Protein backbone atom coordinates (compact mmCIF):
# COMPACT_ATOMS: atom_id res chain seq x y z
CA MET A 1 -30.08 -27.34 39.06
CA SER A 2 -31.41 -24.40 41.07
CA GLU A 3 -35.05 -23.30 40.94
CA GLU A 4 -34.04 -20.20 38.93
CA GLN A 5 -32.16 -22.33 36.42
CA GLN A 6 -35.13 -24.70 36.14
CA ASN A 7 -37.47 -21.77 35.41
CA ILE A 8 -35.19 -20.47 32.67
CA ALA A 9 -34.69 -23.95 31.23
CA SER A 10 -38.47 -24.49 31.19
CA PHE A 11 -38.95 -21.21 29.34
CA PHE A 12 -36.30 -22.21 26.81
CA ALA A 13 -37.75 -25.69 26.33
CA ALA A 14 -41.20 -24.22 25.70
CA LYS A 15 -39.93 -22.45 22.59
CA PRO A 16 -38.27 -25.16 20.47
CA GLY A 17 -36.92 -24.69 17.00
CA GLY A 18 -35.84 -21.08 17.04
CA ASN A 19 -38.83 -19.88 15.03
CA VAL A 20 -39.15 -16.14 14.47
CA PRO A 21 -42.61 -14.57 14.84
CA GLN A 22 -43.93 -13.43 11.48
CA HIS A 23 -45.82 -10.14 11.30
CA ALA A 24 -44.99 -9.06 7.77
CA ASP A 25 -48.65 -9.04 6.77
CA PRO A 26 -49.60 -5.35 6.29
CA SER A 27 -53.14 -6.19 7.44
CA HIS A 28 -51.79 -7.11 10.88
CA THR A 29 -53.65 -5.19 13.58
CA LEU A 30 -51.31 -3.14 15.70
CA TYR A 31 -51.09 -3.95 19.36
CA LEU A 32 -52.06 -1.01 21.53
CA PRO A 33 -50.69 -1.30 25.07
CA PRO A 34 -52.88 -0.53 28.05
CA SER A 35 -52.97 3.15 28.84
CA SER A 36 -50.31 4.12 31.35
CA THR A 37 -49.66 7.37 33.13
CA GLN A 38 -46.10 6.41 34.07
CA VAL A 39 -43.66 8.56 32.11
CA VAL A 40 -40.47 6.74 31.12
CA VAL A 41 -38.88 9.32 28.79
CA GLN A 42 -39.44 13.06 28.68
CA THR A 43 -37.75 16.01 27.03
CA LYS A 44 -38.48 19.60 28.00
CA ASP A 45 -37.71 22.44 25.58
CA LEU A 46 -34.65 20.52 24.37
CA VAL A 47 -32.12 22.60 22.42
CA LYS A 48 -28.91 21.20 20.96
CA ARG A 49 -26.31 23.24 19.09
CA PHE A 50 -23.08 22.39 17.30
CA GLY A 51 -21.11 25.60 17.00
CA ASP A 52 -23.43 28.24 15.57
CA LYS A 53 -25.86 25.66 14.14
CA THR A 54 -28.95 24.83 16.18
CA VAL A 55 -29.97 21.25 15.38
CA LEU A 56 -32.77 20.74 17.92
CA LYS A 57 -35.04 23.72 18.54
CA GLY A 58 -37.15 23.18 21.64
CA ILE A 59 -38.19 19.50 21.48
CA ASN A 60 -40.91 18.37 23.89
CA LEU A 61 -41.64 14.65 24.06
CA THR A 62 -43.36 12.35 26.54
CA VAL A 63 -43.15 8.56 26.26
CA ARG A 64 -45.17 6.39 28.64
CA ARG A 65 -44.51 2.88 29.83
CA GLY A 66 -45.36 0.15 27.35
CA GLU A 67 -45.78 2.28 24.24
CA THR A 68 -43.77 2.32 21.04
CA LEU A 69 -42.92 5.82 19.82
CA VAL A 70 -41.55 6.18 16.29
CA ILE A 71 -39.47 9.27 15.45
CA MET A 72 -39.38 10.07 11.73
CA GLY A 73 -38.03 12.78 9.46
CA THR A 74 -35.87 13.46 6.45
CA SER A 75 -32.07 13.31 6.54
CA GLY A 76 -30.66 16.17 8.59
CA CYS A 77 -33.89 16.85 10.48
CA GLY A 78 -32.28 16.15 13.87
CA LYS A 79 -33.63 12.67 14.69
CA SER A 80 -30.18 11.09 15.17
CA THR A 81 -29.09 14.01 17.37
CA LEU A 82 -32.29 13.63 19.38
CA LEU A 83 -31.56 9.94 19.87
CA ARG A 84 -28.04 10.69 21.12
CA CYS A 85 -29.47 13.22 23.58
CA LEU A 86 -31.94 10.62 24.85
CA LEU A 87 -29.07 8.17 25.33
CA GLY A 88 -27.04 10.73 27.28
CA ALA A 89 -24.32 10.85 24.63
CA HIS A 90 -24.99 14.56 23.92
CA ARG A 91 -25.76 17.16 26.55
CA PRO A 92 -28.25 19.83 25.50
CA GLU A 93 -27.45 23.51 25.62
CA GLU A 94 -30.94 24.24 26.90
CA GLY A 95 -33.82 22.21 28.29
CA ALA A 96 -33.68 18.74 29.83
CA VAL A 97 -33.85 15.02 29.12
CA GLU A 98 -35.38 12.76 31.76
CA LEU A 99 -35.27 8.96 31.83
CA PHE A 100 -37.18 7.10 34.54
CA GLY A 101 -37.86 10.42 36.28
CA LYS A 102 -34.17 11.40 36.48
CA GLU A 103 -32.74 14.37 34.60
CA LEU A 104 -29.62 13.18 32.79
CA GLY A 105 -27.67 16.45 32.81
CA PRO A 106 -26.79 16.63 36.54
CA LEU A 107 -26.11 12.89 36.97
CA SER A 108 -22.67 11.67 37.99
CA ASN A 109 -20.97 9.03 35.85
CA LYS A 110 -21.91 6.36 38.42
CA ASP A 111 -25.57 7.39 38.44
CA MET A 112 -25.60 7.59 34.65
CA ASP A 113 -24.25 4.04 34.48
CA SER A 114 -27.14 2.91 36.70
CA VAL A 115 -29.61 4.52 34.29
CA ARG A 116 -27.92 2.92 31.27
CA LYS A 117 -28.41 -0.54 32.76
CA ARG A 118 -32.15 0.03 32.52
CA PHE A 119 -32.21 0.54 28.74
CA GLY A 120 -30.92 -1.31 25.70
CA ILE A 121 -29.89 -0.11 22.24
CA LEU A 122 -30.08 -1.74 18.84
CA PHE A 123 -27.53 0.12 16.73
CA GLN A 124 -28.06 0.62 13.02
CA SER A 125 -25.33 -1.84 12.01
CA GLY A 126 -25.87 -4.26 14.87
CA ALA A 127 -22.43 -3.17 16.19
CA LEU A 128 -21.30 -6.68 17.08
CA PHE A 129 -17.71 -7.27 18.19
CA SER A 130 -16.12 -9.07 15.25
CA SER A 131 -13.72 -11.14 17.36
CA MET A 132 -16.52 -12.58 19.51
CA THR A 133 -19.10 -15.20 18.58
CA VAL A 134 -22.76 -14.27 18.51
CA GLY A 135 -23.22 -15.93 21.90
CA GLU A 136 -20.24 -14.10 23.39
CA ASN A 137 -21.63 -10.78 22.14
CA VAL A 138 -24.94 -11.45 23.88
CA ALA A 139 -23.18 -12.63 27.04
CA LEU A 140 -21.03 -9.49 27.33
CA PRO A 141 -23.58 -7.27 29.20
CA LEU A 142 -24.34 -10.15 31.56
CA LYS A 143 -20.67 -10.64 32.37
CA GLU A 144 -20.04 -6.91 32.80
CA HIS A 145 -23.11 -5.97 34.85
CA THR A 146 -24.25 -9.06 36.79
CA ASP A 147 -22.85 -11.59 39.25
CA LEU A 148 -24.43 -14.57 37.50
CA SER A 149 -22.49 -17.79 37.22
CA GLN A 150 -21.17 -18.86 33.83
CA ASP A 151 -23.77 -21.66 33.66
CA MET A 152 -26.55 -19.15 34.27
CA ILE A 153 -25.11 -16.74 31.69
CA ASP A 154 -24.98 -19.56 29.15
CA LEU A 155 -28.66 -20.31 29.81
CA MET A 156 -29.62 -16.64 29.54
CA VAL A 157 -27.77 -16.32 26.24
CA LYS A 158 -29.72 -19.26 24.84
CA VAL A 159 -33.00 -17.71 26.01
CA LYS A 160 -32.25 -14.35 24.38
CA LEU A 161 -31.11 -15.93 21.13
CA GLU A 162 -34.24 -18.07 21.13
CA LEU A 163 -36.39 -14.96 21.45
CA VAL A 164 -34.91 -13.53 18.24
CA GLY A 165 -34.76 -16.84 16.37
CA LEU A 166 -30.98 -17.28 16.42
CA ARG A 167 -30.53 -20.36 18.55
CA GLU A 168 -28.48 -22.02 15.81
CA ALA A 169 -26.06 -19.06 15.42
CA GLU A 170 -24.64 -18.95 18.94
CA ASP A 171 -21.17 -20.22 17.97
CA LEU A 172 -20.85 -18.26 14.72
CA LEU A 173 -18.77 -15.13 14.22
CA PRO A 174 -20.41 -11.92 12.91
CA SER A 175 -18.56 -12.41 9.61
CA GLN A 176 -20.37 -15.73 9.18
CA ILE A 177 -23.92 -14.40 9.44
CA SER A 178 -26.11 -12.18 7.26
CA GLY A 179 -26.98 -8.55 7.88
CA GLY A 180 -30.45 -9.49 9.08
CA MET A 181 -29.03 -12.06 11.48
CA ALA A 182 -26.58 -9.44 12.77
CA LYS A 183 -29.49 -7.11 13.51
CA ARG A 184 -31.25 -9.88 15.43
CA ALA A 185 -28.05 -10.72 17.31
CA GLY A 186 -27.69 -7.05 18.22
CA LEU A 187 -31.27 -7.09 19.48
CA ALA A 188 -30.57 -10.19 21.59
CA ARG A 189 -27.65 -8.33 23.17
CA ALA A 190 -29.82 -5.24 23.71
CA ILE A 191 -32.34 -7.27 25.75
CA ALA A 192 -29.72 -9.30 27.65
CA LEU A 193 -30.34 -7.37 30.89
CA ASP A 194 -34.15 -7.35 30.49
CA PRO A 195 -34.32 -3.57 29.96
CA GLU A 196 -37.37 -1.44 30.67
CA LEU A 197 -36.64 0.75 27.64
CA LEU A 198 -35.33 -0.09 24.17
CA PHE A 199 -33.91 2.33 21.62
CA TYR A 200 -33.82 1.31 17.95
CA ASP A 201 -31.59 3.24 15.52
CA GLU A 202 -32.82 2.57 11.95
CA PRO A 203 -33.56 -1.08 12.79
CA THR A 204 -34.59 -2.07 9.23
CA SER A 205 -31.97 -0.10 7.29
CA GLY A 206 -30.45 -2.18 4.49
CA LEU A 207 -32.78 -5.15 4.98
CA ASP A 208 -34.98 -6.84 2.39
CA PRO A 209 -38.79 -6.73 2.84
CA ILE A 210 -38.98 -10.20 4.40
CA MET A 211 -36.29 -9.50 7.00
CA THR A 212 -37.82 -6.07 7.63
CA GLY A 213 -41.09 -7.79 8.48
CA ILE A 214 -39.27 -10.14 10.85
CA ILE A 215 -37.52 -7.27 12.67
CA ASP A 216 -40.81 -5.36 12.90
CA GLY A 217 -42.46 -8.45 14.34
CA LEU A 218 -39.73 -8.77 16.95
CA ILE A 219 -40.13 -5.11 17.97
CA MET A 220 -43.87 -5.63 18.48
CA ASP A 221 -43.48 -8.98 20.23
CA LEU A 222 -40.89 -7.63 22.68
CA ALA A 223 -43.21 -4.74 23.51
CA ARG A 224 -45.90 -7.28 24.40
CA THR A 225 -43.95 -10.05 26.09
CA MET A 226 -41.55 -7.84 28.06
CA ASN A 227 -43.84 -4.79 28.42
CA VAL A 228 -40.85 -2.80 27.23
CA THR A 229 -41.11 0.85 26.22
CA SER A 230 -39.67 1.41 22.74
CA ILE A 231 -38.34 4.42 20.85
CA VAL A 232 -37.70 3.73 17.17
CA VAL A 233 -35.80 6.19 14.96
CA THR A 234 -36.41 5.36 11.31
CA HIS A 235 -36.99 6.69 7.80
CA ASP A 236 -38.70 3.44 6.73
CA LEU A 237 -42.33 4.49 6.46
CA LYS A 238 -43.81 1.00 6.03
CA SER A 239 -41.95 -0.23 9.08
CA ALA A 240 -42.86 2.89 11.06
CA PHE A 241 -46.58 2.56 10.46
CA ARG A 242 -46.43 -1.15 11.24
CA VAL A 243 -44.83 -0.91 14.70
CA ALA A 244 -45.89 2.50 16.04
CA ASP A 245 -48.40 3.22 18.76
CA ARG A 246 -47.56 6.90 18.41
CA MET A 247 -45.46 8.84 15.90
CA VAL A 248 -43.46 12.06 15.86
CA VAL A 249 -42.33 13.81 12.67
CA LEU A 250 -39.35 16.18 12.85
CA ASN A 251 -38.50 18.92 10.37
CA GLU A 252 -35.55 21.29 10.73
CA GLY A 253 -35.13 20.46 14.41
CA ARG A 254 -38.76 20.90 15.42
CA VAL A 255 -41.69 18.56 16.04
CA VAL A 256 -44.16 19.33 13.24
CA ALA A 257 -46.57 16.46 13.87
CA GLU A 258 -47.37 14.05 16.68
CA GLY A 259 -50.12 11.48 17.01
CA MET A 260 -51.31 7.97 16.33
CA PRO A 261 -50.51 6.47 12.91
CA HIS A 262 -53.92 7.27 11.41
CA GLU A 263 -53.59 10.86 12.61
CA ILE A 264 -50.19 11.22 10.96
CA ARG A 265 -51.50 9.77 7.69
CA GLY A 266 -54.18 12.44 7.57
CA HIS A 267 -52.16 15.30 9.03
CA PRO A 268 -52.83 18.69 7.36
CA ASP A 269 -49.27 20.03 7.53
CA PRO A 270 -47.87 20.33 3.96
CA PHE A 271 -44.44 18.98 4.90
CA VAL A 272 -45.95 15.95 6.66
CA ARG A 273 -48.16 15.23 3.64
CA ARG A 274 -45.15 15.36 1.31
CA PHE A 275 -43.07 13.22 3.66
CA ILE A 276 -45.77 10.56 4.01
CA GLN A 277 -47.23 10.60 0.50
CA GLY A 278 -44.26 11.79 -1.60
CA PRO A 279 -44.23 14.75 -4.02
CA ILE A 280 -47.36 15.17 -6.10
CA ASP A 281 -45.48 15.72 -9.37
CA ALA A 282 -41.98 16.17 -10.76
CA LYS A 283 -42.13 19.96 -10.41
CA THR A 284 -42.96 19.65 -6.72
CA ALA A 285 -40.16 17.13 -6.25
CA VAL A 286 -37.56 19.44 -7.77
CA HIS A 287 -38.88 22.67 -6.25
CA PRO A 288 -40.69 21.75 -3.01
CA ARG A 289 -42.58 24.55 -1.37
CA GLY A 290 -43.58 25.14 2.22
């Protein structure tokens, strides 16, 4: 066994049992990463239109290395469109998106592929390939984008599944596991290439409170152990306040609030107060103002 294989095997052996870190306790103190001046993600006056409808209206964001930014907002506010712009799936009509100091718009397909190798994505549904086992799903990025031997890939798959508590599910098909396990398998695949940046699209959607706490714990633990920068798009307020270092609230395609969780909780904007606290009474809920 090579020295690299021994190191990976030692790491795997040090984490027996496939236990998942538990951080469902709402009293858990959030981890705040060391301050960093290195910008990983930035948008500048980002505008995105579909036909005559402007969905994003001048979005300016800065995300620094090691922090977890949560993007929140009601349905139709533009958060999913913003995520697709950050991923390079949509090109803006105005403004720019920069990842790792590179503006995405002018990049060639080859250069864009190089950028994509540096980030991972957890899709809302997990997006596992139904004909592949959990282990084969996690192995896919390693087979496509590395020159590792099959033995090394097998070891890496075990390590990634161990990190998300799915060691026992490696040989199961997606149809044989629960929704929460599928999310964790999708996360294992997202971190297969040890990305510097992770995107989460509604990571706790459709999960029960216990599994939500487990996914939240994994998001926080990966930020610590891998020093990964995270962008989480969610409408789950409890989850958002649990994992966030910083938060952004969108409304009608604009950033209406930005700050640390305690600043968002006490934000004076009427829309933000309604979004965080809910409508004050039935009349407000039916006929919201502001």
